Amino acid sequence: SNLADPVAQVMAAKQALQSFPETELTRFSSLYSSPPMDASD
């Protein structure tokens, strides 16, 4: 994510993954910051 509070977006997605049917979240990495792939603004 890089919009609308990206840390909060990724953490909200982590929570949502835990509610997927027939699925268990087993591990989750640290968060990493990275520049955009196309070196844009």
PDB file of all heavy atoms in Angstrom:
ATOM      1  N   SER A   1       0.851  -1.192   0.000  1.00  0.00           N
ATOM      2  CA  SER A   1       0.000   0.000   0.000  1.00  0.00           C
ATOM      3  C   SER A   1       0.887   1.242   0.000  1.00  0.00           C
ATOM      4  O   SER A   1       1.952   1.240   0.617  1.00  0.00           O
ATOM      5  CB  SER A   1      -0.894   0.018   1.247  1.00  0.00           C
ATOM      6  OG  SER A   1      -1.594   1.248   1.332  1.00  0.00           O
ATOM      7  N   ASN A   2       0.420   2.288  -0.675  1.00  0.00           N
ATOM      8  CA  ASN A   2       1.113   3.576  -0.558  1.00  0.00           C
ATOM      9  C   ASN A   2       0.138   4.760  -0.520  1.00  0.00           C
ATOM     10  O   ASN A   2       0.535   5.891  -0.751  1.00  0.00           O
ATOM     11  CB  ASN A   2       2.167   3.752  -1.654  1.00  0.00           C
ATOM     12  CG  ASN A   2       1.596   4.034  -3.027  1.00  0.00           C
ATOM     13  OD1 ASN A   2       0.444   3.710  -3.318  1.00  0.00           O
ATOM     14  ND2 ASN A   2       2.408   4.633  -3.875  1.00  0.00           N
ATOM     15  N   LEU A   3      -1.120   4.484  -0.198  1.00  0.00           N
ATOM     16  CA  LEU A   3      -2.122   5.546  -0.076  1.00  0.00           C
ATOM     17  C   LEU A   3      -2.950   5.364   1.198  1.00  0.00           C
ATOM     18  O   LEU A   3      -3.114   4.237   1.668  1.00  0.00           O
ATOM     19  CB  LEU A   3      -3.086   5.521  -1.274  1.00  0.00           C
ATOM     20  CG  LEU A   3      -2.545   5.895  -2.645  1.00  0.00           C
ATOM     21  CD1 LEU A   3      -3.654   5.737  -3.688  1.00  0.00           C
ATOM     22  CD2 LEU A   3      -1.979   7.297  -2.664  1.00  0.00           C
ATOM     23  N   ALA A   4      -3.516   6.465   1.669  1.00  0.00           N
ATOM     24  CA  ALA A   4      -4.505   6.440   2.759  1.00  0.00           C
ATOM     25  C   ALA A   4      -3.974   5.703   3.985  1.00  0.00           C
ATOM     26  O   ALA A   4      -4.583   4.747   4.452  1.00  0.00           O
ATOM     27  CB  ALA A   4      -5.829   5.841   2.271  1.00  0.00           C
ATOM     28  N   ASP A   5      -2.838   6.153   4.506  1.00  0.00           N
ATOM     29  CA  ASP A   5      -2.194   5.560   5.678  1.00  0.00           C
ATOM     30  C   ASP A   5      -1.806   4.111   5.400  1.00  0.00           C
ATOM     31  O   ASP A   5      -2.456   3.170   5.868  1.00  0.00           O
ATOM     32  CB  ASP A   5      -3.091   5.657   6.916  1.00  0.00           C
ATOM     33  CG  ASP A   5      -2.344   5.315   8.204  1.00  0.00           C
ATOM     34  OD1 ASP A   5      -1.185   4.829   8.153  1.00  0.00           O
ATOM     35  OD2 ASP A   5      -2.933   5.529   9.279  1.00  0.00           O
ATOM     36  N   PRO A   6      -0.740   3.911   4.609  1.00  0.00           N
ATOM     37  CA  PRO A   6      -0.360   2.573   4.168  1.00  0.00           C
ATOM     38  C   PRO A   6      -0.138   1.560   5.299  1.00  0.00           C
ATOM     39  O   PRO A   6      -0.527   0.395   5.144  1.00  0.00           O
ATOM     40  CB  PRO A   6       0.942   2.809   3.390  1.00  0.00           C
ATOM     41  CG  PRO A   6       0.866   4.221   2.946  1.00  0.00           C
ATOM     42  CD  PRO A   6       0.120   4.941   4.020  1.00  0.00           C
ATOM     43  N   VAL A   7       0.439   1.976   6.407  1.00  0.00           N
ATOM     44  CA  VAL A   7       0.630   1.032   7.519  1.00  0.00           C
ATOM     45  C   VAL A   7      -0.727   0.537   8.004  1.00  0.00           C
ATOM     46  O   VAL A   7      -0.937  -0.669   8.194  1.00  0.00           O
ATOM     47  CB  VAL A   7       1.445   1.666   8.670  1.00  0.00           C
ATOM     48  CG1 VAL A   7       1.412   0.779   9.907  1.00  0.00           C
ATOM     49  CG2 VAL A   7       2.887   1.923   8.232  1.00  0.00           C
ATOM     50  N   ALA A   8      -1.669   1.445   8.178  1.00  0.00           N
ATOM     51  CA  ALA A   8      -3.013   1.057   8.622  1.00  0.00           C
ATOM     52  C   ALA A   8      -3.698   0.174   7.584  1.00  0.00           C
ATOM     53  O   ALA A   8      -4.397  -0.782   7.944  1.00  0.00           O
ATOM     54  CB  ALA A   8      -3.859   2.301   8.905  1.00  0.00           C
ATOM     55  N   GLN A   9      -3.501   0.465   6.295  1.00  0.00           N
ATOM     56  CA  GLN A   9      -4.103  -0.358   5.237  1.00  0.00           C
ATOM     57  C   GLN A   9      -3.592  -1.795   5.310  1.00  0.00           C
ATOM     58  O   GLN A   9      -4.372  -2.755   5.242  1.00  0.00           O
ATOM     59  CB  GLN A   9      -3.782   0.225   3.849  1.00  0.00           C
ATOM     60  CG  GLN A   9      -4.470   1.527   3.542  1.00  0.00           C
ATOM     61  CD  GLN A   9      -5.950   1.366   3.245  1.00  0.00           C
ATOM     62  OE1 GLN A   9      -6.462   0.274   3.025  1.00  0.00           O
ATOM     63  NE2 GLN A   9      -6.658   2.479   3.225  1.00  0.00           N
ATOM     64  N   VAL A  10      -2.276  -1.955   5.455  1.00  0.00           N
ATOM     65  CA  VAL A  10      -1.692  -3.304   5.494  1.00  0.00           C
ATOM     66  C   VAL A  10      -2.123  -4.034   6.764  1.00  0.00           C
ATOM     67  O   VAL A  10      -2.463  -5.218   6.722  1.00  0.00           O
ATOM     68  CB  VAL A  10      -0.153  -3.234   5.359  1.00  0.00           C
ATOM     69  CG1 VAL A  10       0.487  -4.589   5.643  1.00  0.00           C
ATOM     70  CG2 VAL A  10       0.223  -2.747   3.957  1.00  0.00           C
ATOM     71  N   MET A  11      -2.171  -3.329   7.887  1.00  0.00           N
ATOM     72  CA  MET A  11      -2.578  -3.976   9.132  1.00  0.00           C
ATOM     73  C   MET A  11      -4.068  -4.341   9.113  1.00  0.00           C
ATOM     74  O   MET A  11      -4.465  -5.388   9.641  1.00  0.00           O
ATOM     75  CB  MET A  11      -2.227  -3.111  10.338  1.00  0.00           C
ATOM     76  CG  MET A  11      -0.712  -2.883  10.498  1.00  0.00           C
ATOM     77  SD  MET A  11       0.307  -4.392  10.395  1.00  0.00           S
ATOM     78  CE  MET A  11      -0.162  -5.192  11.918  1.00  0.00           C
ATOM     79  N   ALA A  12      -4.897  -3.510   8.482  1.00  0.00           N
ATOM     80  CA  ALA A  12      -6.321  -3.851   8.334  1.00  0.00           C
ATOM     81  C   ALA A  12      -6.477  -5.075   7.430  1.00  0.00           C
ATOM     82  O   ALA A  12      -7.312  -5.950   7.693  1.00  0.00           O
ATOM     83  CB  ALA A  12      -7.095  -2.662   7.762  1.00  0.00           C
ATOM     84  N   ALA A  13      -5.659  -5.157   6.390  1.00  0.00           N
ATOM     85  CA  ALA A  13      -5.707  -6.320   5.512  1.00  0.00           C
ATOM     86  C   ALA A  13      -5.269  -7.573   6.267  1.00  0.00           C
ATOM     87  O   ALA A  13      -5.871  -8.645   6.088  1.00  0.00           O
ATOM     88  CB  ALA A  13      -4.826  -6.096   4.284  1.00  0.00           C
ATOM     89  N   LYS A  14      -4.262  -7.447   7.109  1.00  0.00           N
ATOM     90  CA  LYS A  14      -3.824  -8.595   7.922  1.00  0.00           C
ATOM     91  C   LYS A  14      -4.993  -9.111   8.759  1.00  0.00           C
ATOM     92  O   LYS A  14      -5.247 -10.319   8.817  1.00  0.00           O
ATOM     93  CB  LYS A  14      -2.663  -8.195   8.824  1.00  0.00           C
ATOM     94  CG  LYS A  14      -2.222  -9.298   9.776  1.00  0.00           C
ATOM     95  CD  LYS A  14      -1.163  -8.802  10.744  1.00  0.00           C
ATOM     96  CE  LYS A  14      -0.770  -9.900  11.729  1.00  0.00           C
ATOM     97  NZ  LYS A  14       0.185  -9.425  12.743  1.00  0.00           N
ATOM     98  N   GLN A  15      -5.719  -8.209   9.399  1.00  0.00           N
ATOM     99  CA  GLN A  15      -6.888  -8.600  10.204  1.00  0.00           C
ATOM    100  C   GLN A  15      -7.932  -9.292   9.337  1.00  0.00           C
ATOM    101  O   GLN A  15      -8.496 -10.314   9.723  1.00  0.00           O
ATOM    102  CB  GLN A  15      -7.497  -7.382  10.893  1.00  0.00           C
ATOM    103  CG  GLN A  15      -6.674  -6.823  12.031  1.00  0.00           C
ATOM    104  CD  GLN A  15      -6.443  -7.843  13.130  1.00  0.00           C
ATOM    105  OE1 GLN A  15      -5.316  -8.225  13.397  1.00  0.00           O
ATOM    106  NE2 GLN A  15      -7.498  -8.310  13.759  1.00  0.00           N
ATOM    107  N   ALA A  16      -8.179  -8.736   8.156  1.00  0.00           N
ATOM    108  CA  ALA A  16      -9.199  -9.295   7.274  1.00  0.00           C
ATOM    109  C   ALA A  16      -8.812 -10.681   6.758  1.00  0.00           C
ATOM    110  O   ALA A  16      -9.680 -11.545   6.594  1.00  0.00           O
ATOM    111  CB  ALA A  16      -9.455  -8.343   6.105  1.00  0.00           C
ATOM    112  N   LEU A  17      -7.531 -10.906   6.517  1.00  0.00           N
ATOM    113  CA  LEU A  17      -7.077 -12.222   6.046  1.00  0.00           C
ATOM    114  C   LEU A  17      -7.428 -13.313   7.056  1.00  0.00           C
ATOM    115  O   LEU A  17      -7.690 -14.448   6.681  1.00  0.00           O
ATOM    116  CB  LEU A  17      -5.563 -12.220   5.806  1.00  0.00           C
ATOM    117  CG  LEU A  17      -5.040 -11.398   4.632  1.00  0.00           C
ATOM    118  CD1 LEU A  17      -3.510 -11.406   4.628  1.00  0.00           C
ATOM    119  CD2 LEU A  17      -5.589 -11.893   3.305  1.00  0.00           C
ATOM    120  N   GLN A  18      -7.465 -12.949   8.325  1.00  0.00           N
ATOM    121  CA  GLN A  18      -7.773 -13.915   9.377  1.00  0.00           C
ATOM    122  C   GLN A  18      -9.233 -14.367   9.340  1.00  0.00           C
ATOM    123  O   GLN A  18      -9.586 -15.352   9.980  1.00  0.00           O
ATOM    124  CB  GLN A  18      -7.418 -13.330  10.744  1.00  0.00           C
ATOM    125  CG  GLN A  18      -5.924 -13.086  10.889  1.00  0.00           C
ATOM    126  CD  GLN A  18      -5.550 -12.482  12.209  1.00  0.00           C
ATOM    127  OE1 GLN A  18      -5.903 -13.007  13.250  1.00  0.00           O
ATOM    128  NE2 GLN A  18      -4.817 -11.378  12.167  1.00  0.00           N
ATOM    129  N   SER A  19     -10.062 -13.653   8.588  1.00  0.00           N
ATOM    130  CA  SER A  19     -11.479 -14.027   8.518  1.00  0.00           C
ATOM    131  C   SER A  19     -11.844 -14.723   7.208  1.00  0.00           C
ATOM    132  O   SER A  19     -13.021 -15.015   6.980  1.00  0.00           O
ATOM    133  CB  SER A  19     -12.346 -12.780   8.707  1.00  0.00           C
ATOM    134  OG  SER A  19     -12.190 -11.901   7.610  1.00  0.00           O
ATOM    135  N   PHE A  20     -10.860 -15.003   6.363  1.00  0.00           N
ATOM    136  CA  PHE A  20     -11.150 -15.704   5.111  1.00  0.00           C
ATOM    137  C   PHE A  20     -11.673 -17.098   5.434  1.00  0.00           C
ATOM    138  O   PHE A  20     -11.181 -17.754   6.359  1.00  0.00           O
ATOM    139  CB  PHE A  20      -9.893 -15.820   4.249  1.00  0.00           C
ATOM    140  CG  PHE A  20      -9.587 -14.617   3.399  1.00  0.00           C
ATOM    141  CD1 PHE A  20     -10.084 -13.369   3.702  1.00  0.00           C
ATOM    142  CD2 PHE A  20      -8.780 -14.742   2.294  1.00  0.00           C
ATOM    143  CE1 PHE A  20      -9.793 -12.263   2.920  1.00  0.00           C
ATOM    144  CE2 PHE A  20      -8.474 -13.655   1.490  1.00  0.00           C
ATOM    145  CZ  PHE A  20      -8.986 -12.412   1.811  1.00  0.00           C
ATOM    146  N   PRO A  21     -12.653 -17.586   4.667  1.00  0.00           N
ATOM    147  CA  PRO A  21     -13.191 -18.928   4.915  1.00  0.00           C
ATOM    148  C   PRO A  21     -12.140 -20.004   4.656  1.00  0.00           C
ATOM    149  O   PRO A  21     -11.298 -19.851   3.769  1.00  0.00           O
ATOM    150  CB  PRO A  21     -14.352 -19.036   3.920  1.00  0.00           C
ATOM    151  CG  PRO A  21     -14.043 -18.042   2.854  1.00  0.00           C
ATOM    152  CD  PRO A  21     -13.280 -16.934   3.513  1.00  0.00           C
ATOM    153  N   GLU A  22     -12.197 -21.061   5.464  1.00  0.00           N
ATOM    154  CA  GLU A  22     -11.335 -22.234   5.286  1.00  0.00           C
ATOM    155  C   GLU A  22      -9.853 -21.875   5.199  1.00  0.00           C
ATOM    156  O   GLU A  22      -9.085 -22.534   4.498  1.00  0.00           O
ATOM    157  CB  GLU A  22     -11.757 -23.015   4.033  1.00  0.00           C
ATOM    158  CG  GLU A  22     -13.210 -23.463   4.059  1.00  0.00           C
ATOM    159  CD  GLU A  22     -13.612 -24.126   2.763  1.00  0.00           C
ATOM    160  OE1 GLU A  22     -13.080 -25.216   2.498  1.00  0.00           O
ATOM    161  OE2 GLU A  22     -14.434 -23.539   2.036  1.00  0.00           O
ATOM    162  N   THR A  23      -9.474 -20.814   5.918  1.00  0.00           N
ATOM    163  CA  THR A  23      -8.108 -20.299   5.821  1.00  0.00           C
ATOM    164  C   THR A  23      -7.621 -19.875   7.199  1.00  0.00           C
ATOM    165  O   THR A  23      -8.382 -19.313   7.988  1.00  0.00           O
ATOM    166  CB  THR A  23      -8.070 -19.080   4.870  1.00  0.00           C
ATOM    167  OG1 THR A  23      -8.557 -19.490   3.595  1.00  0.00           O
ATOM    168  CG2 THR A  23      -6.673 -18.520   4.712  1.00  0.00           C
ATOM    169  N   GLU A  24      -6.350 -20.153   7.453  1.00  0.00           N
ATOM    170  CA  GLU A  24      -5.721 -19.759   8.714  1.00  0.00           C
ATOM    171  C   GLU A  24      -4.467 -18.943   8.400  1.00  0.00           C
ATOM    172  O   GLU A  24      -3.636 -19.367   7.585  1.00  0.00           O
ATOM    173  CB  GLU A  24      -5.337 -21.030   9.487  1.00  0.00           C
ATOM    174  CG  GLU A  24      -4.519 -20.789  10.722  1.00  0.00           C
ATOM    175  CD  GLU A  24      -3.964 -22.082  11.301  1.00  0.00           C
ATOM    176  OE1 GLU A  24      -4.104 -23.163  10.686  1.00  0.00           O
ATOM    177  OE2 GLU A  24      -3.353 -21.998  12.375  1.00  0.00           O
ATOM    178  N   LEU A  25      -4.340 -17.777   9.005  1.00  0.00           N
ATOM    179  CA  LEU A  25      -3.132 -16.972   8.884  1.00  0.00           C
ATOM    180  C   LEU A  25      -2.100 -17.572   9.830  1.00  0.00           C
ATOM    181  O   LEU A  25      -2.332 -17.636  11.038  1.00  0.00           O
ATOM    182  CB  LEU A  25      -3.419 -15.509   9.250  1.00  0.00           C
ATOM    183  CG  LEU A  25      -2.232 -14.556   9.193  1.00  0.00           C
ATOM    184  CD1 LEU A  25      -1.705 -14.411   7.772  1.00  0.00           C
ATOM    185  CD2 LEU A  25      -2.634 -13.195   9.743  1.00  0.00           C
ATOM    186  N   THR A  26      -0.978 -18.058   9.301  1.00  0.00           N
ATOM    187  CA  THR A  26       0.001 -18.766  10.128  1.00  0.00           C
ATOM    188  C   THR A  26       1.221 -17.919  10.476  1.00  0.00           C
ATOM    189  O   THR A  26       1.792 -18.075  11.552  1.00  0.00           O
ATOM    190  CB  THR A  26       0.439 -20.082   9.459  1.00  0.00           C
ATOM    191  OG1 THR A  26       0.831 -19.815   8.113  1.00  0.00           O
ATOM    192  CG2 THR A  26      -0.705 -21.093   9.467  1.00  0.00           C
ATOM    193  N   ARG A  27       1.655 -17.045   9.574  1.00  0.00           N
ATOM    194  CA  ARG A  27       2.786 -16.155   9.857  1.00  0.00           C
ATOM    195  C   ARG A  27       2.603 -14.858   9.084  1.00  0.00           C
ATOM    196  O   ARG A  27       1.975 -14.834   8.027  1.00  0.00           O
ATOM    197  CB  ARG A  27       4.120 -16.793   9.448  1.00  0.00           C
ATOM    198  CG  ARG A  27       4.567 -17.894  10.392  1.00  0.00           C
ATOM    199  CD  ARG A  27       5.987 -18.328  10.099  1.00  0.00           C
ATOM    200  NE  ARG A  27       5.955 -19.310   9.014  1.00  0.00           N
ATOM    201  CZ  ARG A  27       6.997 -20.012   8.614  1.00  0.00           C
ATOM    202  NH1 ARG A  27       8.172 -19.835   9.193  1.00  0.00           N
ATOM    203  NH2 ARG A  27       6.897 -20.881   7.639  1.00  0.00           N
ATOM    204  N   PHE A  28       3.193 -13.794   9.631  1.00  0.00           N
ATOM    205  CA  PHE A  28       3.106 -12.486   8.981  1.00  0.00           C
ATOM    206  C   PHE A  28       4.438 -11.783   9.190  1.00  0.00           C
ATOM    207  O   PHE A  28       4.939 -11.705  10.310  1.00  0.00           O
ATOM    208  CB  PHE A  28       1.955 -11.666   9.586  1.00  0.00           C
ATOM    209  CG  PHE A  28       1.528 -10.504   8.747  1.00  0.00           C
ATOM    210  CD1 PHE A  28       0.643 -10.679   7.691  1.00  0.00           C
ATOM    211  CD2 PHE A  28       2.016  -9.235   8.998  1.00  0.00           C
ATOM    212  CE1 PHE A  28       0.244  -9.609   6.911  1.00  0.00           C
ATOM    213  CE2 PHE A  28       1.628  -8.154   8.223  1.00  0.00           C
ATOM    214  CZ  PHE A  28       0.734  -8.344   7.170  1.00  0.00           C
ATOM    215  N   SER A  29       5.012 -11.283   8.118  1.00  0.00           N
ATOM    216  CA  SER A  29       6.328 -10.642   8.195  1.00  0.00           C
ATOM    217  C   SER A  29       6.252  -9.280   8.868  1.00  0.00           C
ATOM    218  O   SER A  29       5.172  -8.731   9.097  1.00  0.00           O
ATOM    219  CB  SER A  29       6.903 -10.458   6.788  1.00  0.00           C
ATOM    220  OG  SER A  29       6.247  -9.396   6.107  1.00  0.00           O
ATOM    221  N   SER A  30       7.420  -8.734   9.114  1.00  0.00           N
ATOM    222  CA  SER A  30       7.524  -7.326   9.501  1.00  0.00           C
ATOM    223  C   SER A  30       7.049  -6.477   8.322  1.00  0.00           C
ATOM    224  O   SER A  30       6.898  -6.973   7.202  1.00  0.00           O
ATOM    225  CB  SER A  30       8.981  -6.966   9.799  1.00  0.00           C
ATOM    226  OG  SER A  30       9.491  -7.752  10.838  1.00  0.00           O
ATOM    227  N   LEU A  31       6.849  -5.207   8.578  1.00  0.00           N
ATOM    228  CA  LEU A  31       6.529  -4.262   7.514  1.00  0.00           C
ATOM    229  C   LEU A  31       7.834  -3.708   6.945  1.00  0.00           C
ATOM    230  O   LEU A  31       8.801  -3.503   7.681  1.00  0.00           O
ATOM    231  CB  LEU A  31       5.669  -3.120   8.041  1.00  0.00           C
ATOM    232  CG  LEU A  31       4.331  -3.506   8.667  1.00  0.00           C
ATOM    233  CD1 LEU A  31       3.577  -2.262   9.108  1.00  0.00           C
ATOM    234  CD2 LEU A  31       3.483  -4.336   7.718  1.00  0.00           C
ATOM    235  N   TYR A  32       7.829  -3.471   5.639  1.00  0.00           N
ATOM    236  CA  TYR A  32       8.992  -2.936   4.938  1.00  0.00           C
ATOM    237  C   TYR A  32       8.561  -1.714   4.141  1.00  0.00           C
ATOM    238  O   TYR A  32       7.486  -1.708   3.551  1.00  0.00           O
ATOM    239  CB  TYR A  32       9.572  -3.975   3.980  1.00  0.00           C
ATOM    240  CG  TYR A  32      10.247  -5.136   4.666  1.00  0.00           C
ATOM    241  CD1 TYR A  32       9.505  -6.137   5.272  1.00  0.00           C
ATOM    242  CD2 TYR A  32      11.637  -5.228   4.712  1.00  0.00           C
ATOM    243  CE1 TYR A  32      10.124  -7.208   5.910  1.00  0.00           C
ATOM    244  CE2 TYR A  32      12.260  -6.291   5.352  1.00  0.00           C
ATOM    245  CZ  TYR A  32      11.500  -7.278   5.946  1.00  0.00           C
ATOM    246  OH  TYR A  32      12.113  -8.325   6.588  1.00  0.00           O
ATOM    247  N   SER A  33       9.414  -0.716   4.111  1.00  0.00           N
ATOM    248  CA  SER A  33       9.192   0.462   3.282  1.00  0.00           C
ATOM    249  C   SER A  33      10.025   0.298   2.012  1.00  0.00           C
ATOM    250  O   SER A  33      11.172  -0.142   2.077  1.00  0.00           O
ATOM    251  CB  SER A  33       9.636   1.706   4.045  1.00  0.00           C
ATOM    252  OG  SER A  33       9.572   2.846   3.218  1.00  0.00           O
ATOM    253  N   SER A  34       9.431   0.642   0.863  1.00  0.00           N
ATOM    254  CA  SER A  34      10.168   0.529  -0.394  1.00  0.00           C
ATOM    255  C   SER A  34       9.737   1.630  -1.358  1.00  0.00           C
ATOM    256  O   SER A  34       8.590   2.060  -1.354  1.00  0.00           O
ATOM    257  CB  SER A  34       9.941  -0.843  -1.031  1.00  0.00           C
ATOM    258  OG  SER A  34       8.585  -1.020  -1.369  1.00  0.00           O
ATOM    259  N   PRO A  35      10.676   2.072  -2.191  1.00  0.00           N
ATOM    260  CA  PRO A  35      10.328   3.090  -3.188  1.00  0.00           C
ATOM    261  C   PRO A  35       9.456   2.487  -4.283  1.00  0.00           C
ATOM    262  O   PRO A  35       9.481   1.271  -4.498  1.00  0.00           O
ATOM    263  CB  PRO A  35      11.695   3.520  -3.746  1.00  0.00           C
ATOM    264  CG  PRO A  35      12.603   2.371  -3.486  1.00  0.00           C
ATOM    265  CD  PRO A  35      12.085   1.686  -2.256  1.00  0.00           C
ATOM    266  N   PRO A  36       8.683   3.318  -4.997  1.00  0.00           N
ATOM    267  CA  PRO A  36       7.870   2.798  -6.102  1.00  0.00           C
ATOM    268  C   PRO A  36       8.767   2.182  -7.180  1.00  0.00           C
ATOM    269  O   PRO A  36       9.898   2.621  -7.380  1.00  0.00           O
ATOM    270  CB  PRO A  36       7.120   4.017  -6.628  1.00  0.00           C
ATOM    271  CG  PRO A  36       7.720   5.201  -5.975  1.00  0.00           C
ATOM    272  CD  PRO A  36       8.536   4.753  -4.821  1.00  0.00           C
ATOM    273  N   MET A  37       8.251   1.157  -7.854  1.00  0.00           N
ATOM    274  CA  MET A  37       9.051   0.423  -8.846  1.00  0.00           C
ATOM    275  C   MET A  37       9.489   1.293 -10.016  1.00  0.00           C
ATOM    276  O   MET A  37      10.573   1.129 -10.537  1.00  0.00           O
ATOM    277  CB  MET A  37       8.268  -0.775  -9.389  1.00  0.00           C
ATOM    278  CG  MET A  37       8.185  -1.891  -8.411  1.00  0.00           C
ATOM    279  SD  MET A  37       7.535  -3.452  -9.057  1.00  0.00           S
ATOM    280  CE  MET A  37       6.697  -3.050 -10.543  1.00  0.00           C
ATOM    281  N   ASP A  38       8.647   2.215 -10.431  1.00  0.00           N
ATOM    282  CA  ASP A  38       8.966   2.999 -11.622  1.00  0.00           C
ATOM    283  C   ASP A  38       9.664   4.323 -11.294  1.00  0.00           C
ATOM    284  O   ASP A  38       9.810   5.173 -12.153  1.00  0.00           O
ATOM    285  CB  ASP A  38       7.709   3.248 -12.443  1.00  0.00           C
ATOM    286  CG  ASP A  38       6.668   4.058 -11.687  1.00  0.00           C
ATOM    287  OD1 ASP A  38       6.914   4.432 -10.523  1.00  0.00           O
ATOM    288  OD2 ASP A  38       5.602   4.312 -12.267  1.00  0.00           O
ATOM    289  N   ALA A  39      10.103   4.485 -10.035  1.00  0.00           N
ATOM    290  CA  ALA A  39      10.818   5.689  -9.599  1.00  0.00           C
ATOM    291  C   ALA A  39      10.040   6.969  -9.890  1.00  0.00           C
ATOM    292  O   ALA A  39      10.614   8.013 -10.125  1.00  0.00           O
ATOM    293  CB  ALA A  39      12.212   5.746 -10.225  1.00  0.00           C
ATOM    294  N   SER A  40       8.718   6.863  -9.873  1.00  0.00           N
ATOM    295  CA  SER A  40       7.883   8.034 -10.136  1.00  0.00           C
ATOM    296  C   SER A  40       7.764   8.880  -8.869  1.00  0.00           C
ATOM    297  O   SER A  40       8.384   8.605  -7.853  1.00  0.00           O
ATOM    298  CB  SER A  40       6.498   7.586 -10.596  1.00  0.00           C
ATOM    299  OG  SER A  40       5.830   6.968  -9.512  1.00  0.00           O
ATOM    300  N   ASP A  41       6.921   9.894  -8.941  1.00  0.00           N
ATOM    301  CA  ASP A  41       6.758  10.787  -7.803  1.00  0.00           C
ATOM    302  C   ASP A  41       5.685  10.313  -6.827  1.00  0.00           C
ATOM    303  O   ASP A  41       5.241  11.062  -5.977  1.00  0.00           O
ATOM    304  CB  ASP A  41       6.445  12.202  -8.289  1.00  0.00           C
ATOM    305  CG  ASP A  41       5.160  12.273  -9.105  1.00  0.00           C
ATOM    306  OD1 ASP A  41       4.535  11.220  -9.336  1.00  0.00           O
ATOM    307  OD2 ASP A  41       4.798  13.387  -9.501  1.00  0.00           O
TER     308      ASP A  41
END
